Amino acid sequence: MKHGRLHTIAGCMSSGKTGELIRLLSRHRVIGDDIVIYKHSVDTRDGDKARSRLGTEMEAIVVSSSDQIMRGPCRVVGIEEAQFFDEGLVKRVQELLDDGCQVYVTGLNQDFRGEPFGVMPVLMSLADELSLLTAICQKCHGVGTRTQRLIDGEPAPWDSPTVLVGGADYYEARCPDCHEVPAAE
């Protein structure tokens, strides 16, 4: 049996990670591969769907830990928002690869502070293929590589919680020059 391959899709908010995952999985669906997408239950947006900002979507299985991710009959597995998963996700991905699965993982590579986020750095380093996506800075229109968290329209302070699920009302893409993280209050 062939060893599987890992394609990690990382980037800031609004960089098109989910859209790219759906595009790649659609190619497998066209040739008849069975696919499954898992997303973490902390991401309550869109219910049991993986949905891009452009409106493309696929059904997803909502799970609360990496232990609930199974291969099943599928040889193609997508995992959305990997930064929300526990450290066991790395072992689970390696097991899927050992079983010959093609695994696609998406996630934020940095948290709102600009620091490595959860298991994403490890999944990026293990990837056979890595897509590091960028967005457009919503302040200067340059290349956005950072995720800016906003509270009442202002940059969130350093001591804000790391995880706060939300969309454009809480986050926007920023370039390194426009990204702001004020000192703790």
N, C-alpha and C. Protein backbone atom coordinates (compact mmCIF):
# COMPACT_ATOMS: atom_id res chain seq x y z
N MET A 1 0.84 -1.17 0.00
CA MET A 1 0.00 0.00 0.00
C MET A 1 0.89 1.25 0.00
N LYS A 2 0.48 2.21 -0.78
CA LYS A 2 1.22 3.47 -0.85
C LYS A 2 0.95 4.31 0.40
N HIS A 3 1.97 5.03 0.80
CA HIS A 3 1.83 5.98 1.90
C HIS A 3 1.07 7.20 1.39
N GLY A 4 0.19 7.74 2.22
CA GLY A 4 -0.59 8.90 1.82
C GLY A 4 0.24 10.16 1.74
N ARG A 5 -0.39 11.23 1.31
CA ARG A 5 0.26 12.54 1.17
C ARG A 5 -0.52 13.57 1.95
N LEU A 6 0.22 14.52 2.52
CA LEU A 6 -0.38 15.61 3.29
C LEU A 6 -0.19 16.93 2.55
N HIS A 7 -1.30 17.61 2.32
CA HIS A 7 -1.27 18.95 1.74
C HIS A 7 -1.84 19.89 2.80
N THR A 8 -1.00 20.77 3.32
CA THR A 8 -1.42 21.73 4.34
C THR A 8 -1.65 23.08 3.67
N ILE A 9 -2.82 23.65 3.94
CA ILE A 9 -3.22 24.94 3.37
C ILE A 9 -3.32 25.91 4.54
N ALA A 10 -2.41 26.87 4.60
CA ALA A 10 -2.34 27.80 5.74
C ALA A 10 -2.41 29.24 5.26
N GLY A 11 -2.75 30.11 6.18
CA GLY A 11 -2.79 31.54 5.86
C GLY A 11 -3.61 32.29 6.88
N CYS A 12 -3.72 33.58 6.67
CA CYS A 12 -4.48 34.45 7.56
C CYS A 12 -5.97 34.37 7.23
N MET A 13 -6.78 35.05 8.03
CA MET A 13 -8.21 35.15 7.74
C MET A 13 -8.40 35.76 6.36
N SER A 14 -9.41 35.32 5.67
CA SER A 14 -9.81 35.84 4.35
C SER A 14 -8.80 35.55 3.24
N SER A 15 -7.94 34.56 3.44
CA SER A 15 -6.95 34.24 2.41
C SER A 15 -7.43 33.17 1.43
N GLY A 16 -8.59 32.57 1.67
CA GLY A 16 -9.14 31.60 0.74
C GLY A 16 -8.82 30.15 1.06
N LYS A 17 -8.51 29.85 2.32
CA LYS A 17 -8.15 28.49 2.69
C LYS A 17 -9.27 27.49 2.42
N THR A 18 -10.48 27.80 2.86
CA THR A 18 -11.60 26.88 2.66
C THR A 18 -11.95 26.76 1.19
N GLY A 19 -11.92 27.85 0.47
CA GLY A 19 -12.18 27.80 -0.97
C GLY A 19 -11.18 26.90 -1.69
N GLU A 20 -9.92 26.98 -1.29
CA GLU A 20 -8.89 26.13 -1.89
C GLU A 20 -9.12 24.67 -1.53
N LEU A 21 -9.49 24.39 -0.28
CA LEU A 21 -9.79 23.02 0.13
C LEU A 21 -10.94 22.46 -0.71
N ILE A 22 -12.00 23.22 -0.86
CA ILE A 22 -13.14 22.76 -1.65
C ILE A 22 -12.75 22.54 -3.11
N ARG A 23 -11.94 23.42 -3.65
CA ARG A 23 -11.47 23.26 -5.03
C ARG A 23 -10.69 21.95 -5.19
N LEU A 24 -9.77 21.70 -4.27
CA LEU A 24 -8.95 20.50 -4.36
C LEU A 24 -9.78 19.23 -4.15
N LEU A 25 -10.70 19.25 -3.20
CA LEU A 25 -11.54 18.08 -2.96
C LEU A 25 -12.50 17.83 -4.12
N SER A 26 -12.96 18.89 -4.77
CA SER A 26 -13.84 18.74 -5.93
C SER A 26 -13.16 17.97 -7.05
N ARG A 27 -11.87 18.15 -7.20
CA ARG A 27 -11.13 17.39 -8.23
C ARG A 27 -11.20 15.90 -7.93
N HIS A 28 -11.09 15.54 -6.66
CA HIS A 28 -11.19 14.13 -6.28
C HIS A 28 -12.60 13.60 -6.53
N ARG A 29 -13.59 14.42 -6.21
CA ARG A 29 -14.99 14.00 -6.41
C ARG A 29 -15.27 13.74 -7.89
N VAL A 30 -14.71 14.56 -8.77
CA VAL A 30 -14.91 14.41 -10.22
C VAL A 30 -14.43 13.05 -10.71
N ILE A 31 -13.35 12.55 -10.13
CA ILE A 31 -12.83 11.25 -10.59
C ILE A 31 -13.38 10.08 -9.78
N GLY A 32 -14.36 10.37 -8.90
CA GLY A 32 -15.06 9.30 -8.20
C GLY A 32 -14.51 8.93 -6.84
N ASP A 33 -13.54 9.67 -6.33
CA ASP A 33 -13.03 9.38 -4.98
C ASP A 33 -14.09 9.76 -3.94
N ASP A 34 -14.22 8.91 -2.93
CA ASP A 34 -15.04 9.27 -1.78
C ASP A 34 -14.23 10.22 -0.92
N ILE A 35 -14.87 11.28 -0.45
CA ILE A 35 -14.17 12.26 0.38
C ILE A 35 -14.96 12.51 1.65
N VAL A 36 -14.27 12.97 2.67
CA VAL A 36 -14.91 13.38 3.92
C VAL A 36 -14.17 14.62 4.42
N ILE A 37 -14.95 15.56 4.96
CA ILE A 37 -14.37 16.75 5.59
C ILE A 37 -14.77 16.75 7.06
N TYR A 38 -13.81 17.02 7.92
CA TYR A 38 -14.06 17.19 9.34
C TYR A 38 -13.82 18.65 9.71
N LYS A 39 -14.65 19.17 10.60
CA LYS A 39 -14.40 20.50 11.15
C LYS A 39 -14.66 20.46 12.64
N HIS A 40 -13.96 21.31 13.38
CA HIS A 40 -14.05 21.32 14.83
C HIS A 40 -15.35 21.98 15.29
N SER A 41 -15.92 21.43 16.34
CA SER A 41 -17.20 21.94 16.86
C SER A 41 -17.10 23.36 17.41
N VAL A 42 -15.90 23.83 17.74
CA VAL A 42 -15.76 25.20 18.23
C VAL A 42 -16.14 26.20 17.13
N ASP A 43 -16.01 25.79 15.87
CA ASP A 43 -16.38 26.63 14.74
C ASP A 43 -17.86 26.40 14.44
N THR A 44 -18.69 27.23 15.03
CA THR A 44 -20.14 27.06 14.90
C THR A 44 -20.70 27.74 13.65
N ARG A 45 -19.85 28.42 12.90
CA ARG A 45 -20.33 29.06 11.68
C ARG A 45 -20.72 27.98 10.67
N ASP A 46 -21.81 28.17 9.99
CA ASP A 46 -22.24 27.33 8.86
C ASP A 46 -22.61 25.90 9.23
N GLY A 47 -22.84 25.60 10.50
CA GLY A 47 -23.32 24.28 10.90
C GLY A 47 -22.44 23.15 10.42
N ASP A 48 -23.03 22.21 9.67
CA ASP A 48 -22.29 21.03 9.20
C ASP A 48 -21.77 21.22 7.78
N LYS A 49 -21.36 22.42 7.46
CA LYS A 49 -20.81 22.71 6.14
C LYS A 49 -19.44 23.38 6.29
N ALA A 50 -18.56 23.05 5.35
CA ALA A 50 -17.34 23.83 5.15
C ALA A 50 -17.72 24.82 4.06
N ARG A 51 -17.71 26.11 4.37
CA ARG A 51 -18.19 27.11 3.42
C ARG A 51 -17.15 28.21 3.27
N SER A 52 -16.84 28.53 2.01
CA SER A 52 -15.90 29.60 1.72
C SER A 52 -16.62 30.94 1.75
N ARG A 53 -15.85 32.01 1.82
CA ARG A 53 -16.43 33.36 1.80
C ARG A 53 -17.09 33.66 0.44
N LEU A 54 -16.72 32.90 -0.58
CA LEU A 54 -17.32 33.08 -1.90
C LEU A 54 -18.60 32.26 -2.07
N GLY A 55 -18.96 31.47 -1.04
CA GLY A 55 -20.21 30.73 -1.08
C GLY A 55 -20.11 29.28 -1.50
N THR A 56 -18.94 28.80 -1.92
CA THR A 56 -18.81 27.38 -2.23
C THR A 56 -18.84 26.60 -0.92
N GLU A 57 -19.40 25.40 -0.97
CA GLU A 57 -19.53 24.64 0.27
C GLU A 57 -19.54 23.15 0.00
N MET A 58 -19.20 22.40 1.05
CA MET A 58 -19.29 20.94 1.06
C MET A 58 -19.76 20.51 2.44
N GLU A 59 -20.43 19.36 2.48
CA GLU A 59 -20.86 18.81 3.76
C GLU A 59 -19.63 18.46 4.59
N ALA A 60 -19.76 18.65 5.91
CA ALA A 60 -18.66 18.32 6.83
C ALA A 60 -19.21 17.58 8.04
N ILE A 61 -18.35 16.80 8.66
CA ILE A 61 -18.69 16.14 9.91
C ILE A 61 -18.10 16.98 11.03
N VAL A 62 -18.92 17.37 11.97
CA VAL A 62 -18.49 18.22 13.08
C VAL A 62 -18.03 17.32 14.22
N VAL A 63 -16.80 17.55 14.69
CA VAL A 63 -16.22 16.75 15.78
C VAL A 63 -15.63 17.69 16.83
N SER A 64 -15.44 17.16 18.04
CA SER A 64 -14.90 17.99 19.11
C SER A 64 -13.46 17.64 19.49
N SER A 65 -12.93 16.57 18.91
CA SER A 65 -11.52 16.22 19.18
C SER A 65 -10.96 15.41 18.02
N SER A 66 -9.65 15.32 18.00
CA SER A 66 -8.98 14.58 16.91
C SER A 66 -9.31 13.09 16.97
N ASP A 67 -9.65 12.56 18.15
CA ASP A 67 -10.00 11.15 18.28
C ASP A 67 -11.22 10.76 17.46
N GLN A 68 -12.05 11.74 17.11
CA GLN A 68 -13.28 11.47 16.37
C GLN A 68 -13.06 11.47 14.85
N ILE A 69 -11.87 11.77 14.41
CA ILE A 69 -11.57 11.76 12.98
C ILE A 69 -11.22 10.33 12.57
N MET A 70 -12.01 9.79 11.64
CA MET A 70 -11.82 8.43 11.19
C MET A 70 -11.66 8.40 9.68
N ARG A 71 -10.98 7.39 9.20
CA ARG A 71 -10.83 7.24 7.75
C ARG A 71 -12.13 6.80 7.12
N GLY A 72 -12.76 5.82 7.71
CA GLY A 72 -13.99 5.29 7.11
C GLY A 72 -13.67 4.70 5.74
N PRO A 73 -14.63 4.75 4.81
CA PRO A 73 -14.39 4.21 3.49
C PRO A 73 -13.63 5.19 2.58
N CYS A 74 -13.35 6.37 3.07
CA CYS A 74 -12.77 7.42 2.23
C CYS A 74 -11.25 7.34 2.21
N ARG A 75 -10.69 7.58 1.03
CA ARG A 75 -9.24 7.67 0.95
C ARG A 75 -8.78 9.11 0.85
N VAL A 76 -9.74 10.06 0.84
CA VAL A 76 -9.42 11.48 0.78
C VAL A 76 -10.11 12.16 1.97
N VAL A 77 -9.30 12.77 2.84
CA VAL A 77 -9.80 13.37 4.07
C VAL A 77 -9.40 14.84 4.13
N GLY A 78 -10.39 15.70 4.38
CA GLY A 78 -10.14 17.11 4.60
C GLY A 78 -10.39 17.46 6.05
N ILE A 79 -9.53 18.30 6.61
CA ILE A 79 -9.69 18.74 8.00
C ILE A 79 -9.62 20.26 8.01
N GLU A 80 -10.73 20.89 8.41
CA GLU A 80 -10.87 22.34 8.43
C GLU A 80 -10.46 22.91 9.78
N GLU A 81 -9.87 24.10 9.76
CA GLU A 81 -9.56 24.86 10.98
C GLU A 81 -8.75 24.03 11.98
N ALA A 82 -7.65 23.47 11.50
CA ALA A 82 -6.82 22.56 12.32
C ALA A 82 -6.29 23.23 13.58
N GLN A 83 -6.16 24.55 13.59
CA GLN A 83 -5.63 25.23 14.77
C GLN A 83 -6.51 25.04 16.00
N PHE A 84 -7.77 24.67 15.81
CA PHE A 84 -8.68 24.46 16.94
C PHE A 84 -8.53 23.08 17.57
N PHE A 85 -7.88 22.15 16.87
CA PHE A 85 -7.79 20.77 17.36
C PHE A 85 -6.67 20.61 18.39
N ASP A 86 -6.81 19.56 19.18
CA ASP A 86 -5.81 19.20 20.18
C ASP A 86 -4.55 18.65 19.50
N GLU A 87 -3.50 18.47 20.29
CA GLU A 87 -2.22 18.01 19.74
C GLU A 87 -2.29 16.60 19.17
N GLY A 88 -3.32 15.84 19.54
CA GLY A 88 -3.50 14.50 18.99
C GLY A 88 -3.78 14.51 17.49
N LEU A 89 -4.09 15.68 16.93
CA LEU A 89 -4.37 15.75 15.50
C LEU A 89 -3.15 15.32 14.67
N VAL A 90 -1.97 15.65 15.13
CA VAL A 90 -0.75 15.29 14.39
C VAL A 90 -0.66 13.77 14.27
N LYS A 91 -0.86 13.06 15.38
CA LYS A 91 -0.82 11.60 15.36
C LYS A 91 -1.92 11.04 14.46
N ARG A 92 -3.13 11.63 14.54
CA ARG A 92 -4.25 11.14 13.72
C ARG A 92 -3.94 11.33 12.24
N VAL A 93 -3.39 12.47 11.87
CA VAL A 93 -3.02 12.71 10.47
C VAL A 93 -1.97 11.70 10.03
N GLN A 94 -0.97 11.43 10.87
CA GLN A 94 0.05 10.45 10.53
C GLN A 94 -0.55 9.06 10.33
N GLU A 95 -1.55 8.70 11.15
CA GLU A 95 -2.23 7.41 10.98
C GLU A 95 -2.98 7.36 9.65
N LEU A 96 -3.65 8.43 9.30
CA LEU A 96 -4.35 8.49 8.01
C LEU A 96 -3.36 8.34 6.85
N LEU A 97 -2.22 8.99 6.97
CA LEU A 97 -1.19 8.89 5.93
C LEU A 97 -0.65 7.46 5.85
N ASP A 98 -0.43 6.83 7.00
CA ASP A 98 0.04 5.44 7.02
C ASP A 98 -0.98 4.50 6.36
N ASP A 99 -2.28 4.87 6.44
CA ASP A 99 -3.34 4.07 5.81
C ASP A 99 -3.48 4.37 4.33
N GLY A 100 -2.65 5.26 3.79
CA GLY A 100 -2.69 5.57 2.37
C GLY A 100 -3.62 6.69 1.97
N CYS A 101 -4.13 7.43 2.93
CA CYS A 101 -5.07 8.53 2.62
C CYS A 101 -4.34 9.75 2.09
N GLN A 102 -5.05 10.47 1.23
CA GLN A 102 -4.64 11.82 0.84
C GLN A 102 -5.32 12.74 1.85
N VAL A 103 -4.53 13.52 2.59
CA VAL A 103 -5.07 14.37 3.65
C VAL A 103 -4.82 15.83 3.30
N TYR A 104 -5.89 16.61 3.39
CA TYR A 104 -5.81 18.06 3.21
C TYR A 104 -6.19 18.70 4.53
N VAL A 105 -5.36 19.62 5.00
CA VAL A 105 -5.60 20.29 6.28
C VAL A 105 -5.54 21.79 6.03
N THR A 106 -6.52 22.53 6.59
CA THR A 106 -6.48 23.99 6.52
C THR A 106 -6.38 24.56 7.92
N GLY A 107 -5.84 25.77 8.00
CA GLY A 107 -5.82 26.45 9.29
C GLY A 107 -5.05 27.75 9.26
N LEU A 108 -5.26 28.52 10.31
CA LEU A 108 -4.51 29.75 10.51
C LEU A 108 -3.11 29.39 10.97
N ASN A 109 -2.10 29.88 10.29
CA ASN A 109 -0.73 29.59 10.71
C ASN A 109 -0.31 30.44 11.90
N GLN A 110 -0.96 31.61 12.08
CA GLN A 110 -0.64 32.50 13.20
C GLN A 110 -1.93 32.90 13.90
N ASP A 111 -1.83 33.14 15.21
CA ASP A 111 -2.98 33.67 15.93
C ASP A 111 -3.03 35.19 15.74
N PHE A 112 -3.95 35.86 16.39
CA PHE A 112 -4.10 37.30 16.18
C PHE A 112 -2.90 38.10 16.68
N ARG A 113 -2.07 37.49 17.51
CA ARG A 113 -0.85 38.16 18.00
C ARG A 113 0.30 38.05 17.01
N GLY A 114 0.14 37.17 16.01
CA GLY A 114 1.22 36.92 15.06
C GLY A 114 2.11 35.77 15.49
N GLU A 115 1.65 34.96 16.44
CA GLU A 115 2.43 33.83 16.93
C GLU A 115 1.92 32.53 16.31
N PRO A 116 2.77 31.48 16.23
CA PRO A 116 2.34 30.19 15.70
C PRO A 116 1.09 29.71 16.42
N PHE A 117 0.16 29.14 15.67
CA PHE A 117 -1.17 28.82 16.20
C PHE A 117 -1.38 27.31 16.27
N GLY A 118 -1.49 26.80 17.48
CA GLY A 118 -1.83 25.40 17.72
C GLY A 118 -0.90 24.43 17.02
N VAL A 119 -1.48 23.40 16.40
CA VAL A 119 -0.71 22.34 15.74
C VAL A 119 -0.31 22.71 14.31
N MET A 120 -0.74 23.88 13.85
CA MET A 120 -0.46 24.24 12.45
C MET A 120 1.03 24.25 12.10
N PRO A 121 1.92 24.78 12.93
CA PRO A 121 3.34 24.75 12.54
C PRO A 121 3.86 23.33 12.30
N VAL A 122 3.42 22.37 13.11
CA VAL A 122 3.85 20.98 12.94
C VAL A 122 3.27 20.41 11.64
N LEU A 123 1.98 20.67 11.39
CA LEU A 123 1.36 20.16 10.16
C LEU A 123 1.97 20.81 8.92
N MET A 124 2.40 22.04 9.03
CA MET A 124 3.08 22.70 7.91
C MET A 124 4.43 22.03 7.66
N SER A 125 5.15 21.68 8.73
CA SER A 125 6.47 21.08 8.56
C SER A 125 6.39 19.65 8.04
N LEU A 126 5.30 18.95 8.31
CA LEU A 126 5.13 17.57 7.85
C LEU A 126 4.55 17.47 6.44
N ALA A 127 4.10 18.58 5.90
CA ALA A 127 3.39 18.57 4.62
C ALA A 127 4.27 18.12 3.46
N ASP A 128 3.70 17.30 2.59
CA ASP A 128 4.33 16.98 1.32
C ASP A 128 4.16 18.14 0.35
N GLU A 129 3.05 18.86 0.53
CA GLU A 129 2.78 20.05 -0.25
C GLU A 129 2.21 21.10 0.70
N LEU A 130 2.69 22.32 0.57
CA LEU A 130 2.26 23.41 1.44
C LEU A 130 1.79 24.58 0.60
N SER A 131 0.57 25.03 0.86
CA SER A 131 0.05 26.24 0.23
C SER A 131 -0.06 27.29 1.33
N LEU A 132 0.74 28.34 1.22
CA LEU A 132 0.69 29.44 2.19
C LEU A 132 0.01 30.60 1.47
N LEU A 133 -1.25 30.82 1.83
CA LEU A 133 -2.08 31.79 1.13
C LEU A 133 -2.02 33.16 1.81
N THR A 134 -2.22 34.20 1.02
CA THR A 134 -2.27 35.56 1.54
C THR A 134 -3.61 36.17 1.19
N ALA A 135 -3.89 37.31 1.79
CA ALA A 135 -5.11 38.05 1.53
C ALA A 135 -4.71 39.47 1.14
N ILE A 136 -5.69 40.34 1.07
CA ILE A 136 -5.43 41.76 0.83
C ILE A 136 -5.63 42.49 2.14
N CYS A 137 -4.64 43.26 2.55
CA CYS A 137 -4.73 44.04 3.79
C CYS A 137 -5.93 44.97 3.68
N GLN A 138 -6.80 44.89 4.67
CA GLN A 138 -8.01 45.69 4.64
C GLN A 138 -7.78 47.14 5.05
N LYS A 139 -6.53 47.46 5.37
CA LYS A 139 -6.21 48.84 5.74
C LYS A 139 -5.48 49.56 4.61
N CYS A 140 -4.40 48.95 4.08
CA CYS A 140 -3.58 49.63 3.05
C CYS A 140 -3.67 48.97 1.68
N HIS A 141 -4.34 47.80 1.60
CA HIS A 141 -4.52 47.03 0.36
C HIS A 141 -3.23 46.36 -0.11
N GLY A 142 -2.26 46.24 0.78
CA GLY A 142 -1.04 45.48 0.48
C GLY A 142 -1.28 44.00 0.67
N VAL A 143 -0.20 43.23 0.75
CA VAL A 143 -0.29 41.78 0.92
C VAL A 143 -0.56 41.46 2.38
N GLY A 144 -1.74 40.89 2.65
CA GLY A 144 -2.14 40.54 4.01
C GLY A 144 -1.66 39.16 4.40
N THR A 145 -0.86 39.10 5.45
CA THR A 145 -0.35 37.84 5.95
C THR A 145 -0.71 37.62 7.42
N ARG A 146 -1.34 38.58 8.03
CA ARG A 146 -1.67 38.52 9.46
C ARG A 146 -3.17 38.62 9.66
N THR A 147 -3.61 38.11 10.79
CA THR A 147 -5.02 38.18 11.17
C THR A 147 -5.16 39.22 12.27
N GLN A 148 -5.88 40.28 11.99
CA GLN A 148 -6.12 41.34 12.96
C GLN A 148 -7.43 41.06 13.69
N ARG A 149 -7.37 40.92 15.01
CA ARG A 149 -8.61 40.79 15.78
C ARG A 149 -9.07 42.18 16.18
N LEU A 150 -10.38 42.39 16.08
CA LEU A 150 -10.97 43.68 16.43
C LEU A 150 -11.98 43.52 17.56
N ILE A 151 -11.98 44.48 18.46
CA ILE A 151 -13.00 44.57 19.51
C ILE A 151 -13.60 45.96 19.39
N ASP A 152 -14.88 46.02 19.07
CA ASP A 152 -15.55 47.30 18.83
C ASP A 152 -14.79 48.15 17.81
N GLY A 153 -14.28 47.49 16.76
CA GLY A 153 -13.60 48.18 15.68
C GLY A 153 -12.15 48.55 15.95
N GLU A 154 -11.63 48.23 17.13
CA GLU A 154 -10.25 48.56 17.51
C GLU A 154 -9.43 47.29 17.68
N PRO A 155 -8.10 47.37 17.45
CA PRO A 155 -7.25 46.19 17.62
C PRO A 155 -7.35 45.61 19.03
N ALA A 156 -7.50 44.29 19.11
CA ALA A 156 -7.60 43.61 20.40
C ALA A 156 -6.26 43.64 21.13
N PRO A 157 -6.28 43.83 22.45
CA PRO A 157 -5.02 43.83 23.20
C PRO A 157 -4.40 42.44 23.30
N TRP A 158 -3.12 42.40 23.58
CA TRP A 158 -2.32 41.19 23.67
C TRP A 158 -2.96 40.13 24.57
N ASP A 159 -3.57 40.53 25.67
CA ASP A 159 -4.08 39.56 26.64
C ASP A 159 -5.49 39.07 26.33
N SER A 160 -6.01 39.37 25.15
CA SER A 160 -7.32 38.84 24.75
C SER A 160 -7.22 37.33 24.58
N PRO A 161 -8.34 36.60 24.72
CA PRO A 161 -8.30 35.14 24.53
C PRO A 161 -7.79 34.78 23.13
N THR A 162 -7.05 33.71 23.05
CA THR A 162 -6.49 33.29 21.76
C THR A 162 -7.59 32.88 20.79
N VAL A 163 -8.60 32.15 21.27
CA VAL A 163 -9.65 31.66 20.39
C VAL A 163 -10.93 32.47 20.60
N LEU A 164 -11.40 33.06 19.53
CA LEU A 164 -12.69 33.75 19.49
C LEU A 164 -13.22 33.52 18.08
N VAL A 165 -14.20 32.65 17.94
CA VAL A 165 -14.70 32.29 16.62
C VAL A 165 -15.60 33.40 16.10
N GLY A 166 -15.34 33.80 14.88
CA GLY A 166 -16.16 34.83 14.25
C GLY A 166 -15.64 35.17 12.88
N GLY A 167 -16.36 36.01 12.21
CA GLY A 167 -15.99 36.39 10.85
C GLY A 167 -15.54 37.83 10.79
N ALA A 168 -16.05 38.53 9.78
CA ALA A 168 -15.62 39.89 9.48
C ALA A 168 -15.93 40.87 10.61
N ASP A 169 -16.83 40.49 11.52
CA ASP A 169 -17.12 41.38 12.63
C ASP A 169 -16.02 41.38 13.69
N TYR A 170 -15.17 40.36 13.70
CA TYR A 170 -14.09 40.25 14.68
C TYR A 170 -12.69 40.26 14.07
N TYR A 171 -12.57 39.96 12.80
CA TYR A 171 -11.26 39.77 12.19
C TYR A 171 -11.17 40.44 10.83
N GLU A 172 -9.96 40.83 10.48
CA GLU A 172 -9.68 41.25 9.11
C GLU A 172 -8.23 40.96 8.80
N ALA A 173 -7.94 40.83 7.52
CA ALA A 173 -6.57 40.58 7.07
C ALA A 173 -5.78 41.88 7.13
N ARG A 174 -4.52 41.76 7.54
CA ARG A 174 -3.62 42.92 7.58
C ARG A 174 -2.23 42.50 7.11
N CYS A 175 -1.50 43.49 6.59
CA CYS A 175 -0.09 43.28 6.28
C CYS A 175 0.69 43.46 7.59
N PRO A 176 1.97 43.07 7.64
CA PRO A 176 2.74 43.25 8.87
C PRO A 176 2.82 44.71 9.33
N ASP A 177 2.84 45.67 8.39
CA ASP A 177 2.94 47.07 8.79
C ASP A 177 1.66 47.59 9.44
N CYS A 178 0.51 47.09 9.01
CA CYS A 178 -0.78 47.57 9.53
C CYS A 178 -1.31 46.73 10.70
N HIS A 179 -0.71 45.57 10.94
CA HIS A 179 -1.13 44.69 12.01
C HIS A 179 -0.76 45.33 13.36
N GLU A 180 -1.73 45.40 14.27
CA GLU A 180 -1.51 46.03 15.57
C GLU A 180 -1.98 45.10 16.69
N VAL A 181 -1.15 44.97 17.72
CA VAL A 181 -1.53 44.24 18.91
C VAL A 181 -1.07 45.09 20.10
N PRO A 182 -1.99 45.93 20.64
CA PRO A 182 -1.62 46.77 21.77
C PRO A 182 -1.21 45.95 22.99
N ALA A 183 -0.40 46.52 23.84
CA ALA A 183 0.02 45.86 25.07
C ALA A 183 -1.20 45.53 25.92
N ALA A 184 -1.03 44.57 26.81
CA ALA A 184 -2.12 44.15 27.69
C ALA A 184 -2.65 45.34 28.48
N GLU A 185 -3.95 45.30 28.70
CA GLU A 185 -4.58 46.40 29.44
C GLU A 185 -4.43 46.23 30.92
